[in-house]
Amino acid sequence: MANKDKENRDKMTVEEAGRKGGEATSKTHDKEFYQEIGRKGGEATSENHDKEFYQEIGRKGGEATSENHDKEFYQEIGRKGGESTSENHDKEFYQEIGRKGGEATSENHDKEFYQDIGEKGGKARADQRNDD
């Protein structure tokens, strides 16, 4: 009985074993190793899952994130993303995405939509002039 109790105390949990293994691996492998296994894992996952799988995990991740973060968090990541994008793209990039966005919008909206946003924009501009 005493030997059995000692054996149980000496056994590691799966979590402990994983942590120890991860620490040992990190000491013997570099960044490129992790990039390569990540790439391989991503390829294997994409071969085994469809678009709906990715939509579902994206939805779940978005919900979890929104439960844990406030408006300021989203403003900050939006600001950082905008800065990063502007550092990596030129004027032609923005012209192209603007053109594509305009085409997509025009395919999805009618004349009344444009009249409505034009009216709202005109009112906002008039209000802005009145504040100046």
Protein backbone atom coordinates (compact mmCIF):
# COMPACT_ATOMS: atom_id res chain seq x y z
CA MET A 1 0.00 0.00 0.00
CA ALA A 2 2.81 2.43 0.92
CA ASN A 3 4.55 1.79 -2.43
CA LYS A 4 1.35 2.51 -4.37
CA ASP A 5 0.87 5.87 -2.56
CA LYS A 6 4.49 6.84 -3.33
CA GLU A 7 4.01 5.94 -7.03
CA ASN A 8 0.91 8.14 -7.25
CA ARG A 9 2.71 11.10 -5.62
CA ASP A 10 5.66 10.71 -8.00
CA LYS A 11 3.49 10.75 -11.14
CA MET A 12 3.18 14.02 -13.01
CA THR A 13 -0.08 15.38 -14.32
CA VAL A 14 -0.41 15.72 -18.08
CA GLU A 15 -0.24 19.49 -17.58
CA GLU A 16 3.04 19.25 -15.66
CA ALA A 17 4.55 16.89 -18.21
CA GLY A 18 3.53 19.18 -21.05
CA ARG A 19 5.00 22.22 -19.35
CA LYS A 20 8.30 20.42 -18.69
CA GLY A 21 8.44 19.13 -22.24
CA GLY A 22 7.72 22.58 -23.63
CA GLU A 23 10.45 24.13 -21.51
CA ALA A 24 12.98 21.51 -22.61
CA THR A 25 12.02 21.94 -26.27
CA SER A 26 12.31 25.74 -26.06
CA LYS A 27 15.90 25.37 -24.84
CA THR A 28 16.93 23.28 -27.84
CA HIS A 29 14.95 24.86 -30.71
CA ASP A 30 14.87 28.29 -32.32
CA LYS A 31 12.19 30.58 -33.76
CA GLU A 32 12.40 28.95 -37.20
CA PHE A 33 11.55 25.55 -35.69
CA TYR A 34 8.35 26.92 -34.18
CA GLN A 35 7.46 28.75 -37.39
CA GLU A 36 7.89 25.53 -39.36
CA ILE A 37 5.79 23.37 -37.05
CA GLY A 38 3.17 26.11 -36.96
CA ARG A 39 3.08 26.21 -40.77
CA LYS A 40 2.77 22.41 -40.95
CA GLY A 41 0.03 22.40 -38.33
CA GLY A 42 -1.85 25.13 -40.16
CA GLU A 43 -1.65 23.22 -43.43
CA ALA A 44 -2.86 20.01 -41.79
CA THR A 45 -5.74 21.84 -40.13
CA SER A 46 -6.79 23.50 -43.39
CA GLU A 47 -6.80 20.13 -45.14
CA ASN A 48 -9.11 18.67 -42.49
CA HIS A 49 -11.55 21.56 -41.99
CA ASP A 50 -13.86 23.61 -44.18
CA LYS A 51 -14.84 27.28 -44.32
CA GLU A 52 -17.60 26.78 -41.74
CA PHE A 53 -15.07 25.48 -39.20
CA TYR A 54 -13.02 28.66 -39.47
CA GLN A 55 -16.13 30.84 -39.35
CA GLU A 56 -17.25 29.10 -36.17
CA ILE A 57 -13.92 29.38 -34.35
CA GLY A 58 -13.67 33.01 -35.48
CA ARG A 59 -17.15 33.72 -34.12
CA LYS A 60 -16.34 32.06 -30.80
CA GLY A 61 -13.05 33.93 -30.53
CA GLY A 62 -14.75 37.23 -31.30
CA GLU A 63 -17.40 36.61 -28.67
CA ALA A 64 -14.80 35.68 -26.04
CA THR A 65 -12.74 38.75 -26.88
CA SER A 66 -15.74 41.07 -26.70
CA GLU A 67 -16.63 39.70 -23.26
CA ASN A 68 -13.14 40.46 -21.95
CA HIS A 69 -12.38 43.84 -23.54
CA ASP A 70 -13.90 47.30 -23.67
CA LYS A 71 -14.27 50.01 -26.31
CA GLU A 72 -10.79 51.39 -25.60
CA PHE A 73 -9.21 48.01 -26.38
CA TYR A 74 -10.79 47.97 -29.84
CA GLN A 75 -9.84 51.59 -30.47
CA GLU A 76 -6.24 50.82 -29.58
CA ILE A 77 -5.93 47.72 -31.75
CA GLY A 78 -7.64 49.60 -34.58
CA ARG A 79 -5.15 52.45 -34.25
CA LYS A 80 -2.20 50.04 -34.20
CA GLY A 81 -3.55 48.14 -37.19
CA GLY A 82 -4.06 51.36 -39.13
CA GLU A 83 -0.53 52.52 -38.36
CA SER A 84 0.94 49.16 -39.37
CA THR A 85 -1.06 49.09 -42.59
CA SER A 86 -0.04 52.64 -43.52
CA GLU A 87 3.63 51.77 -42.95
CA ASN A 88 3.39 48.75 -45.24
CA HIS A 89 1.26 50.10 -48.10
CA ASP A 90 1.39 52.95 -50.56
CA LYS A 91 -1.18 55.29 -52.12
CA GLU A 92 -2.02 52.78 -54.86
CA PHE A 93 -2.99 50.16 -52.26
CA TYR A 94 -5.53 52.52 -50.71
CA GLN A 95 -6.87 53.52 -54.12
CA GLU A 96 -7.36 49.87 -55.03
CA ILE A 97 -9.12 48.88 -51.80
CA GLY A 98 -11.26 52.01 -52.06
CA ARG A 99 -12.25 51.10 -55.61
CA LYS A 100 -13.10 47.53 -54.60
CA GLY A 101 -15.08 48.73 -51.59
CA GLY A 102 -16.99 51.19 -53.73
CA GLU A 103 -17.85 48.50 -56.26
CA ALA A 104 -19.02 46.10 -53.54
CA THR A 105 -21.10 48.82 -51.91
CA SER A 106 -22.72 49.85 -55.18
CA GLU A 107 -23.68 46.23 -55.85
CA ASN A 108 -25.37 45.98 -52.45
CA HIS A 109 -27.17 49.33 -52.18
CA ASP A 110 -29.70 51.31 -54.16
CA LYS A 111 -30.19 55.01 -54.99
CA GLU A 112 -32.04 55.69 -51.73
CA PHE A 113 -29.08 54.47 -49.70
CA TYR A 114 -26.80 57.02 -51.36
CA GLN A 115 -29.35 59.78 -50.98
CA ASP A 116 -29.64 58.99 -47.27
CA ILE A 117 -25.90 58.96 -46.58
CA GLY A 118 -25.46 62.11 -48.67
CA GLU A 119 -28.11 63.87 -46.61
CA LYS A 120 -26.53 62.71 -43.34
CA GLY A 121 -23.09 63.83 -44.52
CA GLY A 122 -24.43 67.23 -45.55
CA LYS A 123 -26.09 67.74 -42.17
CA ALA A 124 -22.94 66.68 -40.32
CA ARG A 125 -20.86 69.13 -42.38
CA ALA A 126 -23.32 71.95 -41.76
CA ASP A 127 -23.27 71.22 -38.02
CA GLN A 128 -19.48 71.23 -38.11
CA ARG A 129 -19.44 74.65 -39.82
CA ASN A 130 -21.83 76.02 -37.23
CA ASP A 131 -19.51 74.86 -34.43
CA ASP A 132 -16.47 76.58 -36.01
